[in-house]
Amino acid sequence: MAPAERVAGRGEEGGQPVPAGRQAFHRRAYGSDEVSPVLDDDLLDRPGNDEIQLDYFLDYGTNPALYPPVQQWLRDNQPPTLIVWGANDVIFPAEGAHPYKRDLKDAEFHLFDSGHFLLEDRADEVFPLIHDFLTRKLG
């Protein structure tokens, strides 16, 4: 791998020790101690991103009031739906994925042994499911 693509091993980042808090975040979010500067630093370090993230987190608290009308829309319209979810996601736990099956009778549901970053962690398994789903539903 080119140096910019290298994923640091356990407890190191570019050969340097990883701060304990950052390593704990990766353990919880990625399901691994491996810290990837490529996935994080370039995006997190953009000018103004700290304010964007804080605004996003503060606004997220308004979402629960929207759940009932969205759930009703899903029940009424039954859109083709593919659900791929990380069973070990600590940000959006797997318990939050199952209610979609109640509202969407024909949803295709796949729970993976992964964390929050399922698409990065299991791309070789998830992308074919997405491709197949889109081919069948939109093809």
N, C-alpha and C. Protein backbone atom coordinates (compact mmCIF):
# COMPACT_ATOMS: atom_id res chain seq x y z
N MET A 1 0.84 -1.18 0.00
CA MET A 1 0.00 0.00 0.00
C MET A 1 0.88 1.24 0.00
N ALA A 2 0.42 2.28 -0.65
CA ALA A 2 1.10 3.55 -0.58
C ALA A 2 0.97 4.10 0.83
N PRO A 3 1.94 4.89 1.30
CA PRO A 3 1.88 5.39 2.68
C PRO A 3 0.55 6.06 3.03
N ALA A 4 -0.03 6.83 2.11
CA ALA A 4 -1.28 7.52 2.41
C ALA A 4 -2.44 6.55 2.56
N GLU A 5 -2.31 5.34 2.01
CA GLU A 5 -3.39 4.37 2.08
C GLU A 5 -3.22 3.41 3.25
N ARG A 6 -2.07 3.45 3.88
CA ARG A 6 -1.77 2.51 4.95
C ARG A 6 -2.71 2.72 6.14
N VAL A 7 -3.21 1.65 6.66
CA VAL A 7 -4.01 1.70 7.88
C VAL A 7 -3.09 1.29 9.02
N ALA A 8 -2.96 2.15 9.98
CA ALA A 8 -2.05 1.89 11.09
C ALA A 8 -2.49 0.65 11.86
N GLY A 9 -1.51 -0.01 12.44
CA GLY A 9 -1.81 -1.19 13.25
C GLY A 9 -2.32 -0.81 14.62
N ARG A 10 -2.56 -1.81 15.42
CA ARG A 10 -3.11 -1.58 16.76
C ARG A 10 -2.22 -0.63 17.56
N GLY A 11 -2.86 0.40 18.09
CA GLY A 11 -2.16 1.29 19.00
C GLY A 11 -1.16 2.22 18.35
N GLU A 12 -1.11 2.30 17.03
CA GLU A 12 -0.18 3.23 16.41
C GLU A 12 -0.86 3.95 15.26
N GLU A 13 -0.35 5.11 14.96
CA GLU A 13 -0.88 5.90 13.86
C GLU A 13 0.33 6.52 13.18
N GLY A 14 0.65 6.05 11.99
CA GLY A 14 1.85 6.53 11.33
C GLY A 14 3.09 6.28 12.16
N GLY A 15 3.11 5.17 12.89
CA GLY A 15 4.24 4.81 13.73
C GLY A 15 4.23 5.50 15.09
N GLN A 16 3.24 6.36 15.34
CA GLN A 16 3.14 7.08 16.60
C GLN A 16 2.02 6.49 17.44
N PRO A 17 2.15 6.55 18.77
CA PRO A 17 1.05 6.07 19.63
C PRO A 17 -0.23 6.86 19.36
N VAL A 18 -1.34 6.17 19.38
CA VAL A 18 -2.64 6.79 19.17
C VAL A 18 -3.18 7.23 20.52
N PRO A 19 -3.71 8.46 20.62
CA PRO A 19 -4.32 8.87 21.89
C PRO A 19 -5.39 7.87 22.31
N ALA A 20 -5.46 7.57 23.60
CA ALA A 20 -6.38 6.55 24.11
C ALA A 20 -7.82 6.81 23.72
N GLY A 21 -8.25 8.07 23.76
CA GLY A 21 -9.63 8.39 23.39
C GLY A 21 -9.93 8.08 21.95
N ARG A 22 -8.99 8.37 21.08
CA ARG A 22 -9.21 8.10 19.65
C ARG A 22 -9.24 6.60 19.38
N GLN A 23 -8.35 5.87 20.05
CA GLN A 23 -8.34 4.42 19.87
C GLN A 23 -9.63 3.82 20.40
N ALA A 24 -10.14 4.33 21.51
CA ALA A 24 -11.40 3.84 22.06
C ALA A 24 -12.54 4.11 21.10
N PHE A 25 -12.53 5.30 20.46
CA PHE A 25 -13.55 5.61 19.47
C PHE A 25 -13.52 4.59 18.33
N HIS A 26 -12.34 4.31 17.81
CA HIS A 26 -12.22 3.37 16.70
C HIS A 26 -12.66 1.98 17.12
N ARG A 27 -12.34 1.59 18.34
CA ARG A 27 -12.75 0.27 18.82
C ARG A 27 -14.28 0.18 18.81
N ARG A 28 -14.94 1.25 19.28
CA ARG A 28 -16.41 1.24 19.36
C ARG A 28 -17.04 1.43 17.98
N ALA A 29 -16.52 2.35 17.19
CA ALA A 29 -17.15 2.67 15.91
C ALA A 29 -16.83 1.67 14.82
N TYR A 30 -15.57 1.24 14.76
CA TYR A 30 -15.14 0.34 13.70
C TYR A 30 -15.12 -1.12 14.14
N GLY A 31 -15.23 -1.37 15.45
CA GLY A 31 -15.14 -2.73 15.94
C GLY A 31 -13.71 -3.23 15.93
N SER A 32 -12.74 -2.32 15.94
CA SER A 32 -11.34 -2.68 15.84
C SER A 32 -10.48 -1.61 16.49
N ASP A 33 -9.28 -1.97 16.88
CA ASP A 33 -8.33 -0.99 17.40
C ASP A 33 -7.59 -0.29 16.27
N GLU A 34 -7.74 -0.77 15.03
CA GLU A 34 -7.00 -0.18 13.93
C GLU A 34 -7.54 1.22 13.65
N VAL A 35 -6.62 2.16 13.57
CA VAL A 35 -6.98 3.55 13.35
C VAL A 35 -6.57 3.94 11.94
N SER A 36 -7.51 4.44 11.17
CA SER A 36 -7.24 4.80 9.79
C SER A 36 -7.20 6.31 9.63
N PRO A 37 -6.02 6.89 9.49
CA PRO A 37 -5.95 8.34 9.28
C PRO A 37 -6.58 8.75 7.96
N VAL A 38 -6.60 7.87 6.98
CA VAL A 38 -7.18 8.20 5.69
C VAL A 38 -8.68 8.43 5.83
N LEU A 39 -9.37 7.59 6.59
CA LEU A 39 -10.81 7.73 6.74
C LEU A 39 -11.21 8.92 7.59
N ASP A 40 -10.35 9.34 8.50
CA ASP A 40 -10.75 10.35 9.47
C ASP A 40 -10.14 11.72 9.24
N ASP A 41 -8.84 11.79 9.28
CA ASP A 41 -8.18 13.08 9.38
C ASP A 41 -8.51 14.05 8.25
N ASP A 42 -8.45 13.59 7.02
CA ASP A 42 -8.69 14.50 5.91
C ASP A 42 -10.07 15.14 5.98
N LEU A 43 -11.06 14.38 6.38
CA LEU A 43 -12.41 14.93 6.45
C LEU A 43 -12.63 15.71 7.74
N LEU A 44 -12.14 15.20 8.84
CA LEU A 44 -12.37 15.87 10.12
C LEU A 44 -11.61 17.19 10.23
N ASP A 45 -10.49 17.30 9.54
CA ASP A 45 -9.65 18.49 9.66
C ASP A 45 -10.02 19.61 8.69
N ARG A 46 -11.09 19.45 7.92
CA ARG A 46 -11.49 20.53 7.00
C ARG A 46 -11.85 21.79 7.80
N PRO A 47 -11.48 22.95 7.29
CA PRO A 47 -11.83 24.20 7.99
C PRO A 47 -13.36 24.30 8.18
N GLY A 48 -13.77 24.63 9.39
CA GLY A 48 -15.18 24.81 9.68
C GLY A 48 -15.93 23.52 10.03
N ASN A 49 -15.27 22.37 9.88
CA ASN A 49 -15.96 21.10 10.12
C ASN A 49 -16.37 20.94 11.58
N ASP A 50 -15.59 21.49 12.51
CA ASP A 50 -15.95 21.35 13.93
C ASP A 50 -17.31 21.98 14.20
N GLU A 51 -17.58 23.14 13.61
CA GLU A 51 -18.88 23.80 13.79
C GLU A 51 -20.00 23.02 13.10
N ILE A 52 -19.71 22.48 11.93
CA ILE A 52 -20.70 21.68 11.20
C ILE A 52 -21.11 20.48 12.04
N GLN A 53 -20.13 19.78 12.60
CA GLN A 53 -20.42 18.59 13.40
C GLN A 53 -21.20 18.94 14.66
N LEU A 54 -20.84 20.02 15.33
CA LEU A 54 -21.58 20.43 16.52
C LEU A 54 -23.02 20.79 16.19
N ASP A 55 -23.22 21.52 15.08
CA ASP A 55 -24.59 21.85 14.66
C ASP A 55 -25.39 20.59 14.36
N TYR A 56 -24.74 19.65 13.70
CA TYR A 56 -25.40 18.38 13.36
C TYR A 56 -25.83 17.63 14.62
N PHE A 57 -24.92 17.53 15.57
CA PHE A 57 -25.23 16.80 16.80
C PHE A 57 -26.35 17.48 17.58
N LEU A 58 -26.34 18.79 17.64
CA LEU A 58 -27.40 19.51 18.35
C LEU A 58 -28.74 19.34 17.65
N ASP A 59 -28.74 19.36 16.32
CA ASP A 59 -29.98 19.23 15.56
C ASP A 59 -30.56 17.83 15.63
N TYR A 60 -29.69 16.83 15.84
CA TYR A 60 -30.16 15.45 15.86
C TYR A 60 -31.25 15.22 16.90
N GLY A 61 -31.24 15.98 17.96
CA GLY A 61 -32.25 15.84 19.00
C GLY A 61 -33.66 16.14 18.54
N THR A 62 -33.80 16.80 17.39
CA THR A 62 -35.14 17.10 16.87
C THR A 62 -35.72 15.93 16.07
N ASN A 63 -34.91 14.93 15.78
CA ASN A 63 -35.36 13.83 14.92
C ASN A 63 -36.48 12.96 15.51
N PRO A 64 -36.47 12.61 16.79
CA PRO A 64 -37.51 11.69 17.29
C PRO A 64 -38.94 12.14 17.01
N ALA A 65 -39.20 13.42 17.00
CA ALA A 65 -40.55 13.90 16.71
C ALA A 65 -40.96 13.57 15.27
N LEU A 66 -39.98 13.36 14.40
CA LEU A 66 -40.27 13.04 13.00
C LEU A 66 -40.50 11.55 12.77
N TYR A 67 -40.14 10.71 13.71
CA TYR A 67 -40.25 9.27 13.51
C TYR A 67 -41.66 8.80 13.18
N PRO A 68 -42.69 9.17 13.95
CA PRO A 68 -44.04 8.66 13.63
C PRO A 68 -44.52 8.99 12.22
N PRO A 69 -44.39 10.23 11.72
CA PRO A 69 -44.85 10.46 10.35
C PRO A 69 -44.02 9.72 9.30
N VAL A 70 -42.72 9.58 9.55
CA VAL A 70 -41.89 8.84 8.60
C VAL A 70 -42.29 7.37 8.60
N GLN A 71 -42.50 6.80 9.78
CA GLN A 71 -42.90 5.40 9.87
C GLN A 71 -44.25 5.17 9.19
N GLN A 72 -45.18 6.11 9.34
CA GLN A 72 -46.48 5.99 8.68
C GLN A 72 -46.32 6.05 7.16
N TRP A 73 -45.46 6.94 6.70
CA TRP A 73 -45.21 7.04 5.25
C TRP A 73 -44.65 5.72 4.73
N LEU A 74 -43.72 5.13 5.45
CA LEU A 74 -43.15 3.85 5.04
C LEU A 74 -44.23 2.77 4.98
N ARG A 75 -45.09 2.70 6.01
CA ARG A 75 -46.17 1.70 6.02
C ARG A 75 -47.13 1.92 4.85
N ASP A 76 -47.46 3.18 4.57
CA ASP A 76 -48.42 3.48 3.50
C ASP A 76 -47.86 3.25 2.11
N ASN A 77 -46.58 3.53 1.91
CA ASN A 77 -46.01 3.52 0.56
C ASN A 77 -45.17 2.29 0.22
N GLN A 78 -44.67 1.59 1.22
CA GLN A 78 -43.90 0.36 1.02
C GLN A 78 -42.84 0.49 -0.10
N PRO A 79 -41.93 1.45 0.02
CA PRO A 79 -40.89 1.58 -1.02
C PRO A 79 -39.95 0.38 -0.98
N PRO A 80 -39.41 0.00 -2.13
CA PRO A 80 -38.40 -1.07 -2.12
C PRO A 80 -37.27 -0.64 -1.18
N THR A 81 -36.88 -1.54 -0.28
CA THR A 81 -35.91 -1.16 0.75
C THR A 81 -34.90 -2.27 0.99
N LEU A 82 -33.64 -1.87 0.98
CA LEU A 82 -32.54 -2.75 1.36
C LEU A 82 -31.96 -2.18 2.65
N ILE A 83 -31.91 -2.99 3.68
CA ILE A 83 -31.34 -2.58 4.96
C ILE A 83 -30.08 -3.39 5.19
N VAL A 84 -28.95 -2.70 5.29
CA VAL A 84 -27.68 -3.32 5.66
C VAL A 84 -27.22 -2.60 6.91
N TRP A 85 -26.87 -3.36 7.94
CA TRP A 85 -26.63 -2.76 9.26
C TRP A 85 -25.51 -3.51 9.96
N GLY A 86 -24.71 -2.78 10.71
CA GLY A 86 -23.66 -3.40 11.52
C GLY A 86 -24.22 -3.83 12.87
N ALA A 87 -24.13 -5.09 13.17
CA ALA A 87 -24.67 -5.61 14.43
C ALA A 87 -23.98 -5.00 15.65
N ASN A 88 -22.76 -4.52 15.47
CA ASN A 88 -21.99 -3.98 16.59
C ASN A 88 -21.92 -2.45 16.56
N ASP A 89 -22.82 -1.84 15.83
CA ASP A 89 -22.84 -0.37 15.73
C ASP A 89 -23.27 0.22 17.07
N VAL A 90 -22.40 1.01 17.67
CA VAL A 90 -22.74 1.61 18.96
C VAL A 90 -23.40 2.98 18.78
N ILE A 91 -23.35 3.53 17.58
CA ILE A 91 -23.98 4.83 17.31
C ILE A 91 -25.44 4.62 16.96
N PHE A 92 -25.71 3.67 16.06
CA PHE A 92 -27.08 3.27 15.73
C PHE A 92 -27.18 1.77 15.98
N PRO A 93 -27.48 1.36 17.21
CA PRO A 93 -27.50 -0.07 17.56
C PRO A 93 -28.45 -0.88 16.68
N ALA A 94 -28.13 -2.14 16.56
CA ALA A 94 -28.92 -3.04 15.71
C ALA A 94 -30.39 -3.09 16.12
N GLU A 95 -30.69 -2.84 17.38
CA GLU A 95 -32.09 -2.83 17.81
C GLU A 95 -32.91 -1.80 17.02
N GLY A 96 -32.24 -0.77 16.53
CA GLY A 96 -32.93 0.24 15.74
C GLY A 96 -33.22 -0.18 14.32
N ALA A 97 -32.61 -1.25 13.86
CA ALA A 97 -32.82 -1.72 12.49
C ALA A 97 -34.08 -2.58 12.37
N HIS A 98 -34.37 -3.34 13.39
CA HIS A 98 -35.46 -4.32 13.32
C HIS A 98 -36.85 -3.71 13.12
N PRO A 99 -37.16 -2.56 13.71
CA PRO A 99 -38.51 -2.00 13.49
C PRO A 99 -38.83 -1.72 12.02
N TYR A 100 -37.81 -1.51 11.20
CA TYR A 100 -38.09 -1.29 9.77
C TYR A 100 -38.77 -2.50 9.16
N LYS A 101 -38.43 -3.69 9.65
CA LYS A 101 -39.06 -4.91 9.13
C LYS A 101 -40.55 -4.94 9.45
N ARG A 102 -40.93 -4.30 10.54
CA ARG A 102 -42.34 -4.23 10.91
C ARG A 102 -43.11 -3.34 9.93
N ASP A 103 -42.49 -2.21 9.55
CA ASP A 103 -43.16 -1.24 8.70
C ASP A 103 -43.04 -1.55 7.22
N LEU A 104 -41.99 -2.23 6.83
CA LEU A 104 -41.72 -2.51 5.41
C LEU A 104 -41.78 -4.02 5.19
N LYS A 105 -42.92 -4.48 4.72
CA LYS A 105 -43.18 -5.92 4.65
C LYS A 105 -42.22 -6.68 3.75
N ASP A 106 -41.71 -6.04 2.68
CA ASP A 106 -40.82 -6.71 1.74
C ASP A 106 -39.38 -6.24 1.83
N ALA A 107 -39.02 -5.60 2.92
CA ALA A 107 -37.65 -5.11 3.07
C ALA A 107 -36.68 -6.28 3.06
N GLU A 108 -35.55 -6.07 2.42
CA GLU A 108 -34.47 -7.05 2.44
C GLU A 108 -33.53 -6.62 3.55
N PHE A 109 -33.32 -7.49 4.51
CA PHE A 109 -32.63 -7.14 5.75
C PHE A 109 -31.37 -7.97 5.91
N HIS A 110 -30.24 -7.30 6.11
CA HIS A 110 -28.96 -7.98 6.29
C HIS A 110 -28.22 -7.34 7.47
N LEU A 111 -27.93 -8.15 8.47
CA LEU A 111 -27.21 -7.70 9.66
C LEU A 111 -25.81 -8.33 9.59
N PHE A 112 -24.79 -7.48 9.66
CA PHE A 112 -23.41 -7.94 9.52
C PHE A 112 -22.65 -7.83 10.83
N ASP A 113 -21.65 -8.67 11.00
CA ASP A 113 -20.74 -8.59 12.13
C ASP A 113 -19.77 -7.45 11.85
N SER A 114 -20.23 -6.23 12.14
CA SER A 114 -19.47 -5.03 11.86
C SER A 114 -19.95 -3.94 12.79
N GLY A 115 -19.33 -2.78 12.69
CA GLY A 115 -19.72 -1.64 13.50
C GLY A 115 -20.40 -0.57 12.66
N HIS A 116 -20.20 0.68 13.05
CA HIS A 116 -20.88 1.80 12.42
C HIS A 116 -20.42 2.01 10.98
N PHE A 117 -19.18 1.66 10.67
CA PHE A 117 -18.64 1.92 9.34
C PHE A 117 -18.71 0.65 8.48
N LEU A 118 -19.88 0.09 8.41
CA LEU A 118 -20.12 -1.16 7.69
C LEU A 118 -19.65 -1.09 6.24
N LEU A 119 -19.96 -0.01 5.55
CA LEU A 119 -19.62 0.07 4.13
C LEU A 119 -18.11 0.07 3.91
N GLU A 120 -17.36 0.64 4.82
CA GLU A 120 -15.91 0.60 4.72
C GLU A 120 -15.37 -0.75 5.16
N ASP A 121 -15.96 -1.31 6.19
CA ASP A 121 -15.47 -2.53 6.80
C ASP A 121 -15.80 -3.78 5.98
N ARG A 122 -16.96 -3.80 5.36
CA ARG A 122 -17.44 -5.00 4.66
C ARG A 122 -17.86 -4.70 3.22
N ALA A 123 -17.15 -3.78 2.57
CA ALA A 123 -17.52 -3.37 1.22
C ALA A 123 -17.65 -4.55 0.26
N ASP A 124 -16.75 -5.52 0.37
CA ASP A 124 -16.78 -6.66 -0.53
C ASP A 124 -18.02 -7.52 -0.36
N GLU A 125 -18.68 -7.43 0.78
CA GLU A 125 -19.91 -8.18 1.01
C GLU A 125 -21.15 -7.33 0.76
N VAL A 126 -21.07 -6.05 1.12
CA VAL A 126 -22.26 -5.20 1.06
C VAL A 126 -22.50 -4.65 -0.35
N PHE A 127 -21.45 -4.24 -1.04
CA PHE A 127 -21.65 -3.63 -2.35
C PHE A 127 -22.34 -4.56 -3.35
N PRO A 128 -22.00 -5.86 -3.39
CA PRO A 128 -22.76 -6.75 -4.28
C PRO A 128 -24.25 -6.82 -3.93
N LEU A 129 -24.58 -6.76 -2.64
CA LEU A 129 -26.00 -6.75 -2.25
C LEU A 129 -26.69 -5.50 -2.77
N ILE A 130 -26.01 -4.36 -2.64
CA ILE A 130 -26.58 -3.10 -3.13
C ILE A 130 -26.75 -3.16 -4.64
N HIS A 131 -25.73 -3.63 -5.34
CA HIS A 131 -25.79 -3.72 -6.80
C HIS A 131 -26.93 -4.63 -7.24
N ASP A 132 -27.03 -5.79 -6.61
CA ASP A 132 -28.09 -6.74 -6.96
C ASP A 132 -29.46 -6.13 -6.69
N PHE A 133 -29.61 -5.49 -5.54
CA PHE A 133 -30.89 -4.87 -5.18
C PHE A 133 -31.29 -3.81 -6.21
N LEU A 134 -30.37 -2.94 -6.54
CA LEU A 134 -30.68 -1.86 -7.49
C LEU A 134 -30.97 -2.42 -8.88
N THR A 135 -30.24 -3.46 -9.27
CA THR A 135 -30.49 -4.09 -10.58
C THR A 135 -31.90 -4.67 -10.63
N ARG A 136 -32.30 -5.37 -9.58
CA ARG A 136 -33.62 -5.97 -9.55
C ARG A 136 -34.74 -4.94 -9.44
N LYS A 137 -34.52 -3.91 -8.64
CA LYS A 137 -35.61 -2.96 -8.36
C LYS A 137 -35.68 -1.82 -9.37
N LEU A 138 -34.55 -1.44 -9.93
CA LEU A 138 -34.53 -0.30 -10.86
C LEU A 138 -34.16 -0.69 -12.28
N GLY A 139 -33.62 -1.92 -12.41
CA GLY A 139 -33.06 -2.39 -13.66
C GLY A 139 -33.96 -2.33 -14.81
